[in-house]
Each structure stands twice: as structure tokens, then as C-alpha cells.
Amino acid sequence: MNKEKTSIKLINRKEIKEIKKMISDQFGFDDGLDYSFFQNDKGRVFIVTKDISNIDFERLKINNIGLYFAQIKNGRIRLSIDGSQLIGELCSKNVLEVDDKKSEEWMRGEEITTEIQLKDNEFYIIKNKNDFIGSGKASGNRILNFIGKPRRLMRKAPS
């Protein structure tokens, strides 16, 4: 299997400020996030403790580092499951609470529907009780799911 090579770069302060503004605009999150930020050429953003800045990355070949936090595409940010868990509790908008049934559907990788009309093309953090389980993009009253196959729950076998 031939894996496609990606490159990763340390994000500068100006770009970090833009990322934090996106998070604030989309989710109402205005807390610190005191991390070093890296981004690969596919728009994936990774966060790492600031101590990482002591390493010279010029001579290393790495595809990713730290915690996969989000993906940036077309000036919008979509949080990963881990990203939603990290900041979800402190977000004041675009957090959609779902029941246990919809939560299970979501974790199986399915789209979920709501009774409320959502803002089209807006990203929402999905929450079930005290658990933040990712984020998805709204289309009408549906939320499109981006959970990768390796992280999905398996379907129950028929009994």
C-alpha cells in the first residue's frame, strides 16, 4: 500500500489568531488554548504542548504530531472528536444536544436529523449529556457526519 506523503508546519502567531477567531465566531469559544499549533497540507490542525518549540523540525520528516484538533477548509473550521471534547464545555453557540439514540447513530457514522431548523453549512458540536462526540455540518435539519471509519461504533449483529 502506497501512502500519500503529507508535510506539516508550525503555525505562526498570526495564523493562530485567525484559527482562534474562527473558533470564536463559529462556537462562541473565547478561552486560551495555550498550545503550539501545527497544520498539514490537507488543512488538519494538530495541537501540542508549547515545550515542543525546543525541537528543530527542519531536519525531521513527520506527517503529524500531537492531538488532531480540527480541519480548516474554505475559511471554516470543523472540530475533530477530540477537539470538540477539549473545548465543547466552554462553547456558547452551535452546540447541538442529542438523545442517546441519536448519539449512537452519530457514533456509527450516520447523519442525524433534528426537529429544529439549523443554519445551512454551519458546523455544530454534537453533545450527548456530558459527552462531546464530534462536530458536523448542517444541511436543512440534518447534520452531516465526518467520523472516520476507524472511530465509528460497529453495528450490532442481529440476534
Foldseek 3Di string as FASTA:
>chain_A
DDDDAKAKDWDDPVVVVLVLVLCCVQFVADDDLQFTWMAIPQQWIATDHNVVVVDDCPPPRDRDDHHGAWGDDPSHTFGAQVNCQVGVVRTDDQEAEDEPVQVLCQLQQHKDFDPDFDDAQGKHFYDYDPGTGTIFGDDTRIGHHDDDPVRHDDDDDDD
